[in-house]
Amino acid sequence: TFKRVKNIIRNEKMKDFKENLLIEEAEKRLFQLYKDKKDEFEASLRKKDYQKCALLLSGFRSTVDNFFDKVLVMEKDNNIKDNRVALLTLIDKLFTELIDFEKIVIE
């Protein structure tokens, strides 16, 4: 899940996220999940409760997968595309606050 997010945002310029530009139900659900879990995640991170942080992040998988199944991120309308990239960037920032998954090498 993390890899899919990273691959989409890697070469994109970060724009400001605007909730009012959410159109598809799947992107609205992803943003709602982000809002619902962000504070709890950050509080757990401050307490160094890394197990709880990992558990919270693992809860994003099905919602992120659904987002990718239902939403075309690279929309022709640049405002919509930029907003979807910004949403994924918010999700990515949560993940990277805990660990930079790109540095994990599995042989």
PDB file of N, CA and C in Angstrom:
ATOM      1  N   THR A   1       0.832  -1.191   0.000  1.00  0.00           N
ATOM      2  CA  THR A   1       0.000   0.000   0.000  1.00  0.00           C
ATOM      3  C   THR A   1       0.870   1.245   0.000  1.00  0.00           C
ATOM      4  N   PHE A   2       1.856   1.245   0.887  1.00  0.00           N
ATOM      5  CA  PHE A   2       2.758   2.389   0.956  1.00  0.00           C
ATOM      6  C   PHE A   2       3.467   2.610  -0.378  1.00  0.00           C
ATOM      7  N   LYS A   3       3.890   1.521  -0.992  1.00  0.00           N
ATOM      8  CA  LYS A   3       4.619   1.620  -2.260  1.00  0.00           C
ATOM      9  C   LYS A   3       3.748   2.247  -3.350  1.00  0.00           C
ATOM     10  N   ARG A   4       2.498   1.881  -3.386  1.00  0.00           N
ATOM     11  CA  ARG A   4       1.586   2.457  -4.386  1.00  0.00           C
ATOM     12  C   ARG A   4       1.452   3.960  -4.186  1.00  0.00           C
ATOM     13  N   VAL A   5       1.319   4.371  -2.946  1.00  0.00           N
ATOM     14  CA  VAL A   5       1.217   5.804  -2.647  1.00  0.00           C
ATOM     15  C   VAL A   5       2.481   6.517  -3.097  1.00  0.00           C
ATOM     16  N   LYS A   6       3.639   6.009  -2.685  1.00  0.00           N
ATOM     17  CA  LYS A   6       4.921   6.622  -3.038  1.00  0.00           C
ATOM     18  C   LYS A   6       5.107   6.734  -4.546  1.00  0.00           C
ATOM     19  N   ASN A   7       4.762   5.680  -5.269  1.00  0.00           N
ATOM     20  CA  ASN A   7       4.950   5.696  -6.718  1.00  0.00           C
ATOM     21  C   ASN A   7       4.137   6.788  -7.397  1.00  0.00           C
ATOM     22  N   ILE A   8       2.956   7.048  -6.902  1.00  0.00           N
ATOM     23  CA  ILE A   8       2.106   8.084  -7.493  1.00  0.00           C
ATOM     24  C   ILE A   8       2.649   9.479  -7.204  1.00  0.00           C
ATOM     25  N   ILE A   9       3.071   9.714  -5.981  1.00  0.00           N
ATOM     26  CA  ILE A   9       3.452  11.088  -5.592  1.00  0.00           C
ATOM     27  C   ILE A   9       4.910  11.418  -5.883  1.00  0.00           C
ATOM     28  N   ARG A  10       5.697  10.427  -6.204  1.00  0.00           N
ATOM     29  CA  ARG A  10       7.148  10.602  -6.341  1.00  0.00           C
ATOM     30  C   ARG A  10       7.555  11.794  -7.208  1.00  0.00           C
ATOM     31  N   ASN A  11       7.012  11.937  -8.371  1.00  0.00           N
ATOM     32  CA  ASN A  11       7.439  12.990  -9.295  1.00  0.00           C
ATOM     33  C   ASN A  11       6.452  14.150  -9.396  1.00  0.00           C
ATOM     34  N   GLU A  12       5.561  14.226  -8.449  1.00  0.00           N
ATOM     35  CA  GLU A  12       4.545  15.277  -8.473  1.00  0.00           C
ATOM     36  C   GLU A  12       4.911  16.403  -7.514  1.00  0.00           C
ATOM     37  N   LYS A  13       4.550  17.603  -7.892  1.00  0.00           N
ATOM     38  CA  LYS A  13       4.764  18.750  -7.011  1.00  0.00           C
ATOM     39  C   LYS A  13       3.607  18.831  -6.028  1.00  0.00           C
ATOM     40  N   MET A  14       3.950  19.082  -4.785  1.00  0.00           N
ATOM     41  CA  MET A  14       2.941  19.155  -3.729  1.00  0.00           C
ATOM     42  C   MET A  14       2.150  20.452  -3.842  1.00  0.00           C
ATOM     43  N   LYS A  15       0.861  20.302  -3.842  1.00  0.00           N
ATOM     44  CA  LYS A  15      -0.069  21.428  -3.834  1.00  0.00           C
ATOM     45  C   LYS A  15      -0.842  21.380  -2.525  1.00  0.00           C
ATOM     46  N   ASP A  16      -1.557  22.435  -2.235  1.00  0.00           N
ATOM     47  CA  ASP A  16      -2.392  22.448  -1.041  1.00  0.00           C
ATOM     48  C   ASP A  16      -3.600  21.542  -1.241  1.00  0.00           C
ATOM     49  N   PHE A  17      -3.924  20.796  -0.200  1.00  0.00           N
ATOM     50  CA  PHE A  17      -5.094  19.929  -0.237  1.00  0.00           C
ATOM     51  C   PHE A  17      -6.337  20.757   0.053  1.00  0.00           C
ATOM     52  N   LYS A  18      -7.397  20.491  -0.713  1.00  0.00           N
ATOM     53  CA  LYS A  18      -8.673  21.201  -0.533  1.00  0.00           C
ATOM     54  C   LYS A  18      -9.800  20.174  -0.441  1.00  0.00           C
ATOM     55  N   GLU A  19     -10.373  20.084   0.729  1.00  0.00           N
ATOM     56  CA  GLU A  19     -11.421  19.082   0.955  1.00  0.00           C
ATOM     57  C   GLU A  19     -12.596  19.260  -0.003  1.00  0.00           C
ATOM     58  N   ASN A  20     -12.889  20.503  -0.367  1.00  0.00           N
ATOM     59  CA  ASN A  20     -14.039  20.758  -1.240  1.00  0.00           C
ATOM     60  C   ASN A  20     -13.838  20.221  -2.669  1.00  0.00           C
ATOM     61  N   LEU A  21     -12.620  19.800  -3.015  1.00  0.00           N
ATOM     62  CA  LEU A  21     -12.369  19.242  -4.348  1.00  0.00           C
ATOM     63  C   LEU A  21     -12.505  17.722  -4.391  1.00  0.00           C
ATOM     64  N   LEU A  22     -12.856  17.118  -3.270  1.00  0.00           N
ATOM     65  CA  LEU A  22     -13.087  15.673  -3.260  1.00  0.00           C
ATOM     66  C   LEU A  22     -14.404  15.375  -3.966  1.00  0.00           C
ATOM     67  N   ILE A  23     -14.358  14.462  -4.913  1.00  0.00           N
ATOM     68  CA  ILE A  23     -15.533  14.158  -5.725  1.00  0.00           C
ATOM     69  C   ILE A  23     -16.013  12.731  -5.489  1.00  0.00           C
ATOM     70  N   GLU A  24     -15.101  11.792  -5.659  1.00  0.00           N
ATOM     71  CA  GLU A  24     -15.438  10.374  -5.576  1.00  0.00           C
ATOM     72  C   GLU A  24     -15.599   9.933  -4.118  1.00  0.00           C
ATOM     73  N   GLU A  25     -16.514   9.000  -3.905  1.00  0.00           N
ATOM     74  CA  GLU A  25     -16.759   8.495  -2.553  1.00  0.00           C
ATOM     75  C   GLU A  25     -15.500   7.869  -1.945  1.00  0.00           C
ATOM     76  N   ALA A  26     -14.723   7.182  -2.766  1.00  0.00           N
ATOM     77  CA  ALA A  26     -13.510   6.518  -2.264  1.00  0.00           C
ATOM     78  C   ALA A  26     -12.481   7.524  -1.760  1.00  0.00           C
ATOM     79  N   GLU A  27     -12.373   8.670  -2.414  1.00  0.00           N
ATOM     80  CA  GLU A  27     -11.413   9.670  -1.933  1.00  0.00           C
ATOM     81  C   GLU A  27     -11.946  10.380  -0.687  1.00  0.00           C
ATOM     82  N   LYS A  28     -13.243  10.529  -0.602  1.00  0.00           N
ATOM     83  CA  LYS A  28     -13.844  11.119   0.599  1.00  0.00           C
ATOM     84  C   LYS A  28     -13.627  10.196   1.804  1.00  0.00           C
ATOM     85  N   ARG A  29     -13.790   8.881   1.581  1.00  0.00           N
ATOM     86  CA  ARG A  29     -13.568   7.916   2.664  1.00  0.00           C
ATOM     87  C   ARG A  29     -12.111   7.905   3.120  1.00  0.00           C
ATOM     88  N   LEU A  30     -11.193   8.016   2.164  1.00  0.00           N
ATOM     89  CA  LEU A  30      -9.777   8.032   2.514  1.00  0.00           C
ATOM     90  C   LEU A  30      -9.452   9.268   3.344  1.00  0.00           C
ATOM     91  N   PHE A  31      -9.972  10.407   2.959  1.00  0.00           N
ATOM     92  CA  PHE A  31      -9.705  11.617   3.730  1.00  0.00           C
ATOM     93  C   PHE A  31     -10.350  11.536   5.110  1.00  0.00           C
ATOM     94  N   GLN A  32     -11.542  10.975   5.185  1.00  0.00           N
ATOM     95  CA  GLN A  32     -12.209  10.826   6.483  1.00  0.00           C
ATOM     96  C   GLN A  32     -11.407   9.914   7.402  1.00  0.00           C
ATOM     97  N   LEU A  33     -10.879   8.833   6.863  1.00  0.00           N
ATOM     98  CA  LEU A  33     -10.040   7.930   7.649  1.00  0.00           C
ATOM     99  C   LEU A  33      -8.802   8.672   8.149  1.00  0.00           C
ATOM    100  N   TYR A  34      -8.192   9.446   7.279  1.00  0.00           N
ATOM    101  CA  TYR A  34      -7.022  10.249   7.657  1.00  0.00           C
ATOM    102  C   TYR A  34      -7.374  11.180   8.819  1.00  0.00           C
ATOM    103  N   LYS A  35      -8.489  11.896   8.689  1.00  0.00           N
ATOM    104  CA  LYS A  35      -8.898  12.819   9.761  1.00  0.00           C
ATOM    105  C   LYS A  35      -9.183  12.065  11.060  1.00  0.00           C
ATOM    106  N   ASP A  36      -9.823  10.914  10.943  1.00  0.00           N
ATOM    107  CA  ASP A  36     -10.189  10.135  12.128  1.00  0.00           C
ATOM    108  C   ASP A  36      -8.977   9.567  12.864  1.00  0.00           C
ATOM    109  N   LYS A  37      -7.927   9.229  12.159  1.00  0.00           N
ATOM    110  CA  LYS A  37      -6.788   8.525  12.754  1.00  0.00           C
ATOM    111  C   LYS A  37      -5.555   9.389  12.995  1.00  0.00           C
ATOM    112  N   LYS A  38      -5.470  10.545  12.360  1.00  0.00           N
ATOM    113  CA  LYS A  38      -4.259  11.371  12.429  1.00  0.00           C
ATOM    114  C   LYS A  38      -3.877  11.734  13.863  1.00  0.00           C
ATOM    115  N   ASP A  39      -4.787  12.268  14.632  1.00  0.00           N
ATOM    116  CA  ASP A  39      -4.477  12.688  16.000  1.00  0.00           C
ATOM    117  C   ASP A  39      -4.092  11.503  16.887  1.00  0.00           C
ATOM    118  N   GLU A  40      -4.815  10.410  16.744  1.00  0.00           N
ATOM    119  CA  GLU A  40      -4.508   9.215  17.531  1.00  0.00           C
ATOM    120  C   GLU A  40      -3.120   8.679  17.164  1.00  0.00           C
ATOM    121  N   PHE A  41      -2.813   8.691  15.877  1.00  0.00           N
ATOM    122  CA  PHE A  41      -1.501   8.249  15.418  1.00  0.00           C
ATOM    123  C   PHE A  41      -0.402   9.132  16.001  1.00  0.00           C
ATOM    124  N   GLU A  42      -0.573  10.434  15.892  1.00  0.00           N
ATOM    125  CA  GLU A  42       0.460  11.355  16.379  1.00  0.00           C
ATOM    126  C   GLU A  42       0.630  11.274  17.893  1.00  0.00           C
ATOM    127  N   ALA A  43      -0.468  11.065  18.619  1.00  0.00           N
ATOM    128  CA  ALA A  43      -0.379  10.900  20.071  1.00  0.00           C
ATOM    129  C   ALA A  43       0.381   9.609  20.406  1.00  0.00           C
ATOM    130  N   SER A  44       0.102   8.546  19.675  1.00  0.00           N
ATOM    131  CA  SER A  44       0.807   7.284  19.897  1.00  0.00           C
ATOM    132  C   SER A  44       2.284   7.419  19.561  1.00  0.00           C
ATOM    133  N   LEU A  45       2.580   8.176  18.529  1.00  0.00           N
ATOM    134  CA  LEU A  45       3.973   8.403  18.143  1.00  0.00           C
ATOM    135  C   LEU A  45       4.716   9.176  19.232  1.00  0.00           C
ATOM    136  N   ARG A  46       4.076  10.188  19.796  1.00  0.00           N
ATOM    137  CA  ARG A  46       4.693  10.964  20.889  1.00  0.00           C
ATOM    138  C   ARG A  46       4.963  10.082  22.108  1.00  0.00           C
ATOM    139  N   LYS A  47       4.071   9.116  22.350  1.00  0.00           N
ATOM    140  CA  LYS A  47       4.234   8.193  23.479  1.00  0.00           C
ATOM    141  C   LYS A  47       5.211   7.063  23.148  1.00  0.00           C
ATOM    142  N   LYS A  48       5.708   7.061  21.931  1.00  0.00           N
ATOM    143  CA  LYS A  48       6.600   6.006  21.442  1.00  0.00           C
ATOM    144  C   LYS A  48       5.931   4.632  21.467  1.00  0.00           C
ATOM    145  N   ASP A  49       4.625   4.644  21.257  1.00  0.00           N
ATOM    146  CA  ASP A  49       3.859   3.405  21.154  1.00  0.00           C
ATOM    147  C   ASP A  49       3.841   3.004  19.675  1.00  0.00           C
ATOM    148  N   TYR A  50       4.963   2.472  19.223  1.00  0.00           N
ATOM    149  CA  TYR A  50       5.141   2.177  17.813  1.00  0.00           C
ATOM    150  C   TYR A  50       4.250   1.037  17.335  1.00  0.00           C
ATOM    151  N   GLN A  51       3.930   0.129  18.226  1.00  0.00           N
ATOM    152  CA  GLN A  51       3.027  -0.955  17.865  1.00  0.00           C
ATOM    153  C   GLN A  51       1.641  -0.392  17.516  1.00  0.00           C
ATOM    154  N   LYS A  52       1.172   0.534  18.324  1.00  0.00           N
ATOM    155  CA  LYS A  52      -0.125   1.166  18.056  1.00  0.00           C
ATOM    156  C   LYS A  52      -0.071   1.952  16.746  1.00  0.00           C
ATOM    157  N   CYS A  53       1.037   2.659  16.524  1.00  0.00           N
ATOM    158  CA  CYS A  53       1.206   3.412  15.275  1.00  0.00           C
ATOM    159  C   CYS A  53       1.112   2.480  14.069  1.00  0.00           C
ATOM    160  N   ALA A  54       1.822   1.363  14.140  1.00  0.00           N
ATOM    161  CA  ALA A  54       1.808   0.404  13.037  1.00  0.00           C
ATOM    162  C   ALA A  54       0.414  -0.180  12.831  1.00  0.00           C
ATOM    163  N   LEU A  55      -0.278  -0.448  13.917  1.00  0.00           N
ATOM    164  CA  LEU A  55      -1.635  -0.967  13.827  1.00  0.00           C
ATOM    165  C   LEU A  55      -2.562   0.049  13.156  1.00  0.00           C
ATOM    166  N   LEU A  56      -2.432   1.317  13.529  1.00  0.00           N
ATOM    167  CA  LEU A  56      -3.249   2.368  12.921  1.00  0.00           C
ATOM    168  C   LEU A  56      -2.964   2.482  11.425  1.00  0.00           C
ATOM    169  N   LEU A  57      -1.705   2.437  11.064  1.00  0.00           N
ATOM    170  CA  LEU A  57      -1.345   2.539   9.650  1.00  0.00           C
ATOM    171  C   LEU A  57      -1.827   1.328   8.853  1.00  0.00           C
ATOM    172  N   SER A  58      -1.763   0.167   9.462  1.00  0.00           N
ATOM    173  CA  SER A  58      -2.223  -1.027   8.752  1.00  0.00           C
ATOM    174  C   SER A  58      -3.719  -0.930   8.443  1.00  0.00           C
ATOM    175  N   GLY A  59      -4.445  -0.174   9.239  1.00  0.00           N
ATOM    176  CA  GLY A  59      -5.871   0.030   9.008  1.00  0.00           C
ATOM    177  C   GLY A  59      -6.186   0.849   7.765  1.00  0.00           C
ATOM    178  N   PHE A  60      -5.179   1.438   7.155  1.00  0.00           N
ATOM    179  CA  PHE A  60      -5.379   2.233   5.951  1.00  0.00           C
ATOM    180  C   PHE A  60      -5.412   1.372   4.686  1.00  0.00           C
ATOM    181  N   ARG A  61      -4.918   0.162   4.784  1.00  0.00           N
ATOM    182  CA  ARG A  61      -4.707  -0.640   3.577  1.00  0.00           C
ATOM    183  C   ARG A  61      -5.948  -0.779   2.704  1.00  0.00           C
ATOM    184  N   SER A  62      -7.029  -1.243   3.262  1.00  0.00           N
ATOM    185  CA  SER A  62      -8.215  -1.500   2.428  1.00  0.00           C
ATOM    186  C   SER A  62      -8.781  -0.198   1.853  1.00  0.00           C
ATOM    187  N   THR A  63      -8.709   0.869   2.611  1.00  0.00           N
ATOM    188  CA  THR A  63      -9.245   2.149   2.135  1.00  0.00           C
ATOM    189  C   THR A  63      -8.364   2.723   1.035  1.00  0.00           C
ATOM    190  N   VAL A  64      -7.050   2.601   1.184  1.00  0.00           N
ATOM    191  CA  VAL A  64      -6.136   3.065   0.132  1.00  0.00           C
ATOM    192  C   VAL A  64      -6.295   2.188  -1.110  1.00  0.00           C
ATOM    193  N   ASP A  65      -6.378   0.875  -0.922  1.00  0.00           N
ATOM    194  CA  ASP A  65      -6.582  -0.023  -2.065  1.00  0.00           C
ATOM    195  C   ASP A  65      -7.879   0.315  -2.795  1.00  0.00           C
ATOM    196  N   ASN A  66      -8.934   0.564  -2.050  1.00  0.00           N
ATOM    197  CA  ASN A  66     -10.211   0.949  -2.651  1.00  0.00           C
ATOM    198  C   ASN A  66     -10.081   2.268  -3.408  1.00  0.00           C
ATOM    199  N   PHE A  67      -9.360   3.205  -2.837  1.00  0.00           N
ATOM    200  CA  PHE A  67      -9.105   4.482  -3.504  1.00  0.00           C
ATOM    201  C   PHE A  67      -8.457   4.234  -4.871  1.00  0.00           C
ATOM    202  N   PHE A  68      -7.413   3.412  -4.896  1.00  0.00           N
ATOM    203  CA  PHE A  68      -6.726   3.153  -6.161  1.00  0.00           C
ATOM    204  C   PHE A  68      -7.598   2.376  -7.150  1.00  0.00           C
ATOM    205  N   ASP A  69      -8.485   1.531  -6.639  1.00  0.00           N
ATOM    206  CA  ASP A  69      -9.384   0.781  -7.513  1.00  0.00           C
ATOM    207  C   ASP A  69     -10.472   1.662  -8.128  1.00  0.00           C
ATOM    208  N   LYS A  70     -10.900   2.673  -7.403  1.00  0.00           N
ATOM    209  CA  LYS A  70     -12.068   3.456  -7.813  1.00  0.00           C
ATOM    210  C   LYS A  70     -11.748   4.848  -8.358  1.00  0.00           C
ATOM    211  N   VAL A  71     -10.553   5.361  -8.089  1.00  0.00           N
ATOM    212  CA  VAL A  71     -10.247   6.760  -8.404  1.00  0.00           C
ATOM    213  C   VAL A  71      -9.077   6.839  -9.374  1.00  0.00           C
ATOM    214  N   LEU A  72      -9.245   7.644 -10.403  1.00  0.00           N
ATOM    215  CA  LEU A  72      -8.154   7.930 -11.324  1.00  0.00           C
ATOM    216  C   LEU A  72      -7.403   9.139 -10.767  1.00  0.00           C
ATOM    217  N   VAL A  73      -6.225   8.893 -10.230  1.00  0.00           N
ATOM    218  CA  VAL A  73      -5.464   9.985  -9.615  1.00  0.00           C
ATOM    219  C   VAL A  73      -5.035  10.992 -10.665  1.00  0.00           C
ATOM    220  N   MET A  74      -4.524  10.517 -11.781  1.00  0.00           N
ATOM    221  CA  MET A  74      -3.999  11.397 -12.820  1.00  0.00           C
ATOM    222  C   MET A  74      -5.117  11.898 -13.734  1.00  0.00           C
ATOM    223  N   GLU A  75      -6.090  12.497 -13.124  1.00  0.00           N
ATOM    224  CA  GLU A  75      -7.259  13.088 -13.772  1.00  0.00           C
ATOM    225  C   GLU A  75      -6.827  14.178 -14.753  1.00  0.00           C
ATOM    226  N   LYS A  76      -7.590  14.363 -15.833  1.00  0.00           N
ATOM    227  CA  LYS A  76      -7.280  15.418 -16.809  1.00  0.00           C
ATOM    228  C   LYS A  76      -7.390  16.811 -16.199  1.00  0.00           C
ATOM    229  N   ASP A  77      -8.353  16.997 -15.319  1.00  0.00           N
ATOM    230  CA  ASP A  77      -8.514  18.282 -14.625  1.00  0.00           C
ATOM    231  C   ASP A  77      -7.377  18.421 -13.617  1.00  0.00           C
ATOM    232  N   ASN A  78      -6.481  19.357 -13.862  1.00  0.00           N
ATOM    233  CA  ASN A  78      -5.293  19.504 -13.015  1.00  0.00           C
ATOM    234  C   ASN A  78      -5.619  19.826 -11.564  1.00  0.00           C
ATOM    235  N   ASN A  79      -6.684  20.549 -11.315  1.00  0.00           N
ATOM    236  CA  ASN A  79      -7.054  20.859  -9.927  1.00  0.00           C
ATOM    237  C   ASN A  79      -7.426  19.591  -9.168  1.00  0.00           C
ATOM    238  N   ILE A  80      -8.173  18.723  -9.829  1.00  0.00           N
ATOM    239  CA  ILE A  80      -8.581  17.459  -9.206  1.00  0.00           C
ATOM    240  C   ILE A  80      -7.364  16.565  -9.031  1.00  0.00           C
ATOM    241  N   LYS A  81      -6.552  16.456 -10.071  1.00  0.00           N
ATOM    242  CA  LYS A  81      -5.336  15.628  -9.997  1.00  0.00           C
ATOM    243  C   LYS A  81      -4.425  16.107  -8.872  1.00  0.00           C
ATOM    244  N   ASP A  82      -4.154  17.411  -8.835  1.00  0.00           N
ATOM    245  CA  ASP A  82      -3.273  17.960  -7.801  1.00  0.00           C
ATOM    246  C   ASP A  82      -3.833  17.713  -6.404  1.00  0.00           C
ATOM    247  N   ASN A  83      -5.133  17.782  -6.266  1.00  0.00           N
ATOM    248  CA  ASN A  83      -5.748  17.556  -4.968  1.00  0.00           C
ATOM    249  C   ASN A  83      -5.640  16.088  -4.548  1.00  0.00           C
ATOM    250  N   ARG A  84      -5.771  15.194  -5.502  1.00  0.00           N
ATOM    251  CA  ARG A  84      -5.630  13.769  -5.200  1.00  0.00           C
ATOM    252  C   ARG A  84      -4.185  13.438  -4.822  1.00  0.00           C
ATOM    253  N   VAL A  85      -3.246  14.056  -5.504  1.00  0.00           N
ATOM    254  CA  VAL A  85      -1.833  13.883  -5.146  1.00  0.00           C
ATOM    255  C   VAL A  85      -1.591  14.448  -3.749  1.00  0.00           C
ATOM    256  N   ALA A  86      -2.181  15.589  -3.450  1.00  0.00           N
ATOM    257  CA  ALA A  86      -2.031  16.195  -2.118  1.00  0.00           C
ATOM    258  C   ALA A  86      -2.613  15.287  -1.040  1.00  0.00           C
ATOM    259  N   LEU A  87      -3.738  14.662  -1.311  1.00  0.00           N
ATOM    260  CA  LEU A  87      -4.329  13.723  -0.359  1.00  0.00           C
ATOM    261  C   LEU A  87      -3.389  12.544  -0.114  1.00  0.00           C
ATOM    262  N   LEU A  88      -2.839  11.994  -1.175  1.00  0.00           N
ATOM    263  CA  LEU A  88      -1.903  10.883  -1.017  1.00  0.00           C
ATOM    264  C   LEU A  88      -0.644  11.318  -0.284  1.00  0.00           C
ATOM    265  N   THR A  89      -0.245  12.554  -0.468  1.00  0.00           N
ATOM    266  CA  THR A  89       0.916  13.079   0.245  1.00  0.00           C
ATOM    267  C   THR A  89       0.639  13.160   1.742  1.00  0.00           C
ATOM    268  N   LEU A  90      -0.570  13.528   2.122  1.00  0.00           N
ATOM    269  CA  LEU A  90      -0.942  13.532   3.540  1.00  0.00           C
ATOM    270  C   LEU A  90      -0.822  12.122   4.128  1.00  0.00           C
ATOM    271  N   ILE A  91      -1.299  11.137   3.374  1.00  0.00           N
ATOM    272  CA  ILE A  91      -1.218   9.752   3.820  1.00  0.00           C
ATOM    273  C   ILE A  91       0.245   9.330   3.931  1.00  0.00           C
ATOM    274  N   ASP A  92       1.028   9.676   2.937  1.00  0.00           N
ATOM    275  CA  ASP A  92       2.450   9.339   2.930  1.00  0.00           C
ATOM    276  C   ASP A  92       3.167   9.936   4.141  1.00  0.00           C
ATOM    277  N   LYS A  93       2.824  11.143   4.501  1.00  0.00           N
ATOM    278  CA  LYS A  93       3.480  11.786   5.646  1.00  0.00           C
ATOM    279  C   LYS A  93       3.213  11.025   6.941  1.00  0.00           C
ATOM    280  N   LEU A  94       2.025  10.476   7.088  1.00  0.00           N
ATOM    281  CA  LEU A  94       1.757   9.655   8.271  1.00  0.00           C
ATOM    282  C   LEU A  94       2.693   8.452   8.297  1.00  0.00           C
ATOM    283  N   PHE A  95       2.775   7.767   7.170  1.00  0.00           N
ATOM    284  CA  PHE A  95       3.634   6.581   7.103  1.00  0.00           C
ATOM    285  C   PHE A  95       5.081   6.939   7.414  1.00  0.00           C
ATOM    286  N   THR A  96       5.583   8.002   6.804  1.00  0.00           N
ATOM    287  CA  THR A  96       6.998   8.330   6.962  1.00  0.00           C
ATOM    288  C   THR A  96       7.319   8.932   8.327  1.00  0.00           C
ATOM    289  N   GLU A  97       6.311   9.361   9.063  1.00  0.00           N
ATOM    290  CA  GLU A  97       6.560   9.801  10.436  1.00  0.00           C
ATOM    291  C   GLU A  97       6.993   8.619  11.299  1.00  0.00           C
ATOM    292  N   LEU A  98       6.502   7.439  10.961  1.00  0.00           N
ATOM    293  CA  LEU A  98       6.866   6.241  11.716  1.00  0.00           C
ATOM    294  C   LEU A  98       8.144   5.619  11.174  1.00  0.00           C
ATOM    295  N   ILE A  99       8.172   5.416   9.867  1.00  0.00           N
ATOM    296  CA  ILE A  99       9.325   4.740   9.254  1.00  0.00           C
ATOM    297  C   ILE A  99       9.361   5.072   7.767  1.00  0.00           C
ATOM    298  N   ASP A 100      10.561   5.152   7.234  1.00  0.00           N
ATOM    299  CA  ASP A 100      10.721   5.341   5.802  1.00  0.00           C
ATOM    300  C   ASP A 100      10.795   3.948   5.168  1.00  0.00           C
ATOM    301  N   PHE A 101       9.659   3.484   4.698  1.00  0.00           N
ATOM    302  CA  PHE A 101       9.564   2.133   4.160  1.00  0.00           C
ATOM    303  C   PHE A 101      10.436   1.931   2.927  1.00  0.00           C
ATOM    304  N   GLU A 102      10.815   2.999   2.263  1.00  0.00           N
ATOM    305  CA  GLU A 102      11.662   2.867   1.083  1.00  0.00           C
ATOM    306  C   GLU A 102      13.067   2.399   1.427  1.00  0.00           C
ATOM    307  N   LYS A 103      13.463   2.580   2.675  1.00  0.00           N
ATOM    308  CA  LYS A 103      14.810   2.184   3.089  1.00  0.00           C
ATOM    309  C   LYS A 103      14.888   0.721   3.516  1.00  0.00           C
ATOM    310  N   ILE A 104      13.750   0.063   3.577  1.00  0.00           N
ATOM    311  CA  ILE A 104      13.727  -1.351   3.925  1.00  0.00           C
ATOM    312  C   ILE A 104      13.995  -2.159   2.669  1.00  0.00           C
ATOM    313  N   VAL A 105      15.009  -3.004   2.738  1.00  0.00           N
ATOM    314  CA  VAL A 105      15.391  -3.834   1.599  1.00  0.00           C
ATOM    315  C   VAL A 105      15.087  -5.289   1.947  1.00  0.00           C
ATOM    316  N   ILE A 106      14.348  -5.938   1.086  1.00  0.00           N
ATOM    317  CA  ILE A 106      14.036  -7.351   1.264  1.00  0.00           C
ATOM    318  C   ILE A 106      14.684  -8.101   0.113  1.00  0.00           C
ATOM    319  N   GLU A 107      15.551  -9.014   0.457  1.00  0.00           N
ATOM    320  CA  GLU A 107      16.264  -9.771  -0.585  1.00  0.00           C
ATOM    321  C   GLU A 107      15.703 -11.148  -0.732  1.00  0.00           C
TER     322      GLU A 107
END
